[in-house]
């Protein structure tokens, strides 16, 4: 039988080791400041969402061109989200 606990413990150790190496490389004060995401869009949305939770008030309006994280942010902060849709010339 395969030892899942040992495998998952090793994976966690390797993951945390990578986090410490990245923290050292970017001169972070703590490895807990390092967050891995699957792509740039996810990283941008995570930063925007966490900033929005801390800074938006109900009377604020947010103009944004992509709505990936906006619905949950809207419900969490009660702010007004205005979605802008830009089309290339000639598109309808």
N, C-alpha and C. Protein backbone atom coordinates (compact mmCIF):
# COMPACT_ATOMS: atom_id res chain seq x y z
N UNK A 1 0.84 -1.19 0.00
CA UNK A 1 0.00 0.00 0.00
C UNK A 1 0.88 1.25 0.00
N UNK A 2 0.46 2.24 -0.77
CA UNK A 2 1.22 3.47 -0.90
C UNK A 2 1.03 4.35 0.33
N UNK A 3 2.09 4.94 0.82
CA UNK A 3 2.04 5.77 2.01
C UNK A 3 1.70 7.21 1.61
N UNK A 4 0.41 7.55 1.66
CA UNK A 4 -0.02 8.89 1.26
C UNK A 4 0.45 9.96 2.24
N UNK A 5 0.50 9.62 3.53
CA UNK A 5 0.94 10.60 4.51
C UNK A 5 2.38 11.02 4.24
N UNK A 6 3.25 10.06 4.01
CA UNK A 6 4.65 10.38 3.75
C UNK A 6 4.82 11.19 2.49
N UNK A 7 4.06 10.84 1.46
CA UNK A 7 4.12 11.58 0.19
C UNK A 7 3.63 13.01 0.37
N UNK A 8 2.51 13.18 1.07
CA UNK A 8 1.96 14.53 1.25
C UNK A 8 2.84 15.37 2.17
N UNK A 9 3.43 14.75 3.18
CA UNK A 9 4.35 15.48 4.07
C UNK A 9 5.57 15.94 3.30
N UNK A 10 6.12 15.08 2.43
CA UNK A 10 7.28 15.47 1.61
C UNK A 10 6.91 16.58 0.65
N UNK A 11 5.73 16.50 0.03
CA UNK A 11 5.27 17.54 -0.90
C UNK A 11 5.13 18.87 -0.17
N UNK A 12 4.57 18.85 1.04
CA UNK A 12 4.44 20.07 1.84
C UNK A 12 5.80 20.65 2.18
N UNK A 13 6.73 19.81 2.58
CA UNK A 13 8.08 20.28 2.90
C UNK A 13 8.75 20.92 1.68
N UNK A 14 8.61 20.29 0.53
CA UNK A 14 9.20 20.84 -0.70
C UNK A 14 8.55 22.18 -1.07
N UNK A 15 7.24 22.25 -0.92
CA UNK A 15 6.50 23.48 -1.22
C UNK A 15 6.97 24.62 -0.32
N UNK A 16 7.08 24.34 0.98
CA UNK A 16 7.53 25.36 1.93
C UNK A 16 8.99 25.74 1.70
N UNK A 17 9.80 24.79 1.27
CA UNK A 17 11.19 25.09 0.93
C UNK A 17 11.25 26.05 -0.25
N UNK A 18 10.42 25.80 -1.26
CA UNK A 18 10.37 26.70 -2.42
C UNK A 18 9.91 28.09 -1.99
N UNK A 19 8.93 28.14 -1.09
CA UNK A 19 8.43 29.43 -0.59
C UNK A 19 9.55 30.21 0.12
N UNK A 20 10.35 29.51 0.93
CA UNK A 20 11.47 30.16 1.62
C UNK A 20 12.52 30.68 0.63
N UNK A 21 12.81 29.88 -0.41
CA UNK A 21 13.78 30.30 -1.42
C UNK A 21 13.31 31.55 -2.17
N UNK A 22 12.03 31.57 -2.53
CA UNK A 22 11.48 32.74 -3.23
C UNK A 22 11.49 33.94 -2.30
N UNK A 23 11.12 33.75 -1.04
CA UNK A 23 11.13 34.85 -0.07
C UNK A 23 12.52 35.44 0.07
N UNK A 24 13.52 34.58 0.10
CA UNK A 24 14.90 35.06 0.17
C UNK A 24 15.28 35.82 -1.09
N UNK A 25 14.88 35.28 -2.24
CA UNK A 25 15.22 35.90 -3.52
C UNK A 25 14.62 37.29 -3.66
N UNK A 26 13.37 37.49 -3.22
CA UNK A 26 12.71 38.80 -3.35
C UNK A 26 12.85 39.64 -2.09
N UNK A 27 13.65 39.15 -1.13
CA UNK A 27 13.93 39.86 0.10
C UNK A 27 12.66 40.12 0.92
N UNK A 28 11.75 39.13 0.96
CA UNK A 28 10.54 39.24 1.78
C UNK A 28 10.93 39.05 3.24
N UNK A 29 10.24 39.72 4.14
CA UNK A 29 10.58 39.60 5.55
C UNK A 29 10.12 38.27 6.15
N UNK A 30 9.16 37.61 5.50
CA UNK A 30 8.65 36.33 5.99
C UNK A 30 8.18 35.50 4.80
N UNK A 31 8.42 34.20 4.85
CA UNK A 31 8.01 33.35 3.73
C UNK A 31 6.49 33.28 3.60
N UNK A 32 5.74 33.62 4.66
CA UNK A 32 4.28 33.62 4.58
C UNK A 32 3.76 34.75 3.69
N UNK A 33 4.63 35.68 3.31
CA UNK A 33 4.24 36.75 2.38
C UNK A 33 4.19 36.26 0.93
N UNK A 34 4.70 35.08 0.69
CA UNK A 34 4.78 34.53 -0.67
C UNK A 34 3.54 33.68 -0.95
N UNK A 35 2.86 34.00 -2.05
CA UNK A 35 1.67 33.26 -2.47
C UNK A 35 1.89 32.80 -3.90
N UNK A 36 1.72 31.52 -4.14
CA UNK A 36 1.85 30.98 -5.49
C UNK A 36 0.47 30.94 -6.14
N UNK A 37 0.39 31.36 -7.39
CA UNK A 37 -0.85 31.28 -8.16
C UNK A 37 -0.57 30.57 -9.47
N UNK A 38 -1.64 30.16 -10.16
CA UNK A 38 -1.43 29.39 -11.39
C UNK A 38 -1.11 30.26 -12.59
N UNK A 39 -1.45 31.57 -12.55
CA UNK A 39 -1.15 32.45 -13.68
C UNK A 39 -1.25 33.91 -13.25
N UNK A 40 -0.91 34.81 -14.16
CA UNK A 40 -0.90 36.24 -13.85
C UNK A 40 -2.30 36.77 -13.56
N UNK A 41 -3.30 36.30 -14.29
CA UNK A 41 -4.67 36.76 -14.06
C UNK A 41 -5.13 36.42 -12.65
N UNK A 42 -4.85 35.21 -12.21
CA UNK A 42 -5.23 34.82 -10.86
C UNK A 42 -4.50 35.67 -9.82
N UNK A 43 -3.23 35.97 -10.06
CA UNK A 43 -2.46 36.79 -9.13
C UNK A 43 -3.02 38.21 -9.05
N UNK A 44 -3.33 38.80 -10.20
CA UNK A 44 -3.89 40.16 -10.22
C UNK A 44 -5.24 40.19 -9.52
N UNK A 45 -6.08 39.20 -9.80
CA UNK A 45 -7.40 39.15 -9.16
C UNK A 45 -7.28 38.97 -7.65
N UNK A 46 -6.33 38.18 -7.20
CA UNK A 46 -6.14 37.98 -5.77
C UNK A 46 -5.72 39.27 -5.08
N UNK A 47 -4.79 39.99 -5.69
CA UNK A 47 -4.34 41.26 -5.12
C UNK A 47 -5.49 42.27 -5.12
N UNK A 48 -6.21 42.38 -6.24
CA UNK A 48 -7.31 43.34 -6.33
C UNK A 48 -8.41 43.00 -5.33
N UNK A 49 -8.74 41.73 -5.20
CA UNK A 49 -9.79 41.32 -4.27
C UNK A 49 -9.39 41.62 -2.83
N UNK A 50 -8.19 41.25 -2.43
CA UNK A 50 -7.77 41.49 -1.05
C UNK A 50 -7.64 42.98 -0.76
N UNK A 51 -7.18 43.76 -1.73
CA UNK A 51 -7.13 45.21 -1.55
C UNK A 51 -8.54 45.76 -1.42
N UNK A 52 -9.44 45.30 -2.27
CA UNK A 52 -10.82 45.78 -2.25
C UNK A 52 -11.52 45.50 -0.94
N UNK A 53 -11.30 44.32 -0.37
CA UNK A 53 -11.93 44.00 0.92
C UNK A 53 -11.50 44.95 2.02
N UNK A 54 -10.26 45.39 1.97
CA UNK A 54 -9.73 46.27 3.01
C UNK A 54 -10.02 47.74 2.77
N UNK A 55 -10.27 48.12 1.52
CA UNK A 55 -10.32 49.55 1.21
C UNK A 55 -11.63 50.08 0.65
N UNK A 56 -12.48 49.24 0.09
CA UNK A 56 -13.72 49.73 -0.52
C UNK A 56 -14.81 49.92 0.53
N UNK A 57 -15.58 50.98 0.34
CA UNK A 57 -16.71 51.28 1.21
C UNK A 57 -17.99 51.23 0.37
N UNK A 58 -19.16 51.14 1.01
CA UNK A 58 -20.41 51.03 0.24
C UNK A 58 -20.63 52.15 -0.77
N UNK A 59 -20.13 53.33 -0.51
CA UNK A 59 -20.36 54.45 -1.44
C UNK A 59 -19.36 54.48 -2.60
N UNK A 60 -18.38 53.61 -2.59
CA UNK A 60 -17.36 53.58 -3.64
C UNK A 60 -17.91 52.94 -4.91
N UNK A 61 -17.38 53.39 -6.04
CA UNK A 61 -17.69 52.79 -7.33
C UNK A 61 -16.40 52.29 -7.94
N UNK A 62 -16.44 51.13 -8.52
CA UNK A 62 -15.26 50.52 -9.13
C UNK A 62 -15.53 50.36 -10.62
N UNK A 63 -14.66 50.92 -11.43
CA UNK A 63 -14.73 50.73 -12.87
C UNK A 63 -13.70 49.67 -13.23
N UNK A 64 -14.15 48.63 -13.87
CA UNK A 64 -13.24 47.54 -14.19
C UNK A 64 -13.65 46.91 -15.50
N UNK A 65 -12.69 46.41 -16.22
CA UNK A 65 -12.96 45.84 -17.54
C UNK A 65 -13.12 44.33 -17.54
N UNK A 66 -12.86 43.70 -16.44
CA UNK A 66 -13.02 42.24 -16.34
C UNK A 66 -13.77 41.93 -15.06
N UNK A 67 -14.64 40.97 -15.10
CA UNK A 67 -15.51 40.72 -13.94
C UNK A 67 -15.23 39.39 -13.25
N UNK A 68 -14.02 38.90 -13.29
CA UNK A 68 -13.72 37.58 -12.72
C UNK A 68 -13.98 37.56 -11.22
N UNK A 69 -13.49 38.52 -10.48
CA UNK A 69 -13.61 38.51 -9.03
C UNK A 69 -14.64 39.50 -8.52
N UNK A 70 -15.24 40.29 -9.39
CA UNK A 70 -16.03 41.43 -8.95
C UNK A 70 -17.32 41.07 -8.23
N UNK A 71 -18.00 40.02 -8.64
CA UNK A 71 -19.25 39.69 -7.97
C UNK A 71 -19.05 39.42 -6.48
N UNK A 72 -18.08 38.62 -6.12
CA UNK A 72 -17.85 38.34 -4.70
C UNK A 72 -17.36 39.57 -3.97
N UNK A 73 -16.56 40.39 -4.63
CA UNK A 73 -16.09 41.63 -4.00
C UNK A 73 -17.26 42.58 -3.78
N UNK A 74 -18.16 42.66 -4.73
CA UNK A 74 -19.33 43.51 -4.60
C UNK A 74 -20.17 43.10 -3.39
N UNK A 75 -20.43 41.80 -3.24
CA UNK A 75 -21.23 41.33 -2.12
C UNK A 75 -20.50 41.53 -0.79
N UNK A 76 -19.19 41.43 -0.79
CA UNK A 76 -18.43 41.56 0.45
C UNK A 76 -18.32 43.00 0.93
N UNK A 77 -18.28 43.95 0.01
CA UNK A 77 -18.05 45.35 0.40
C UNK A 77 -19.26 46.23 0.20
N UNK A 78 -20.28 45.74 -0.49
CA UNK A 78 -21.48 46.53 -0.79
C UNK A 78 -21.18 47.74 -1.66
N UNK A 79 -20.07 47.73 -2.36
CA UNK A 79 -19.73 48.83 -3.26
C UNK A 79 -20.41 48.59 -4.61
N UNK A 80 -20.42 49.62 -5.43
CA UNK A 80 -21.06 49.52 -6.75
C UNK A 80 -20.01 49.20 -7.80
N UNK A 81 -20.22 48.14 -8.53
CA UNK A 81 -19.28 47.72 -9.57
C UNK A 81 -19.85 48.11 -10.93
N UNK A 82 -19.08 48.81 -11.71
CA UNK A 82 -19.49 49.20 -13.06
C UNK A 82 -18.56 48.49 -14.02
N UNK A 83 -19.11 47.60 -14.81
CA UNK A 83 -18.31 46.81 -15.74
C UNK A 83 -18.21 47.54 -17.07
N UNK A 84 -17.00 47.73 -17.54
CA UNK A 84 -16.76 48.36 -18.84
C UNK A 84 -16.40 47.27 -19.84
N UNK A 85 -17.05 47.28 -20.97
CA UNK A 85 -16.74 46.32 -22.01
C UNK A 85 -16.19 47.08 -23.20
N UNK A 86 -14.97 46.75 -23.57
CA UNK A 86 -14.33 47.41 -24.70
C UNK A 86 -14.28 46.45 -25.88
N UNK A 87 -14.72 46.90 -27.01
CA UNK A 87 -14.66 46.10 -28.22
C UNK A 87 -13.64 46.71 -29.16
N UNK A 88 -13.01 45.87 -29.95
CA UNK A 88 -12.12 46.38 -30.98
C UNK A 88 -12.94 47.03 -32.06
N UNK A 89 -12.35 47.97 -32.74
CA UNK A 89 -13.05 48.67 -33.82
C UNK A 89 -13.64 47.67 -34.80
N UNK A 90 -14.89 47.84 -35.13
CA UNK A 90 -15.56 46.96 -36.08
C UNK A 90 -16.29 45.81 -35.44
N UNK A 91 -16.13 45.57 -34.12
CA UNK A 91 -16.86 44.49 -33.44
C UNK A 91 -18.14 45.02 -32.85
N UNK A 92 -19.13 44.18 -32.79
CA UNK A 92 -20.43 44.57 -32.20
C UNK A 92 -20.79 43.65 -31.08
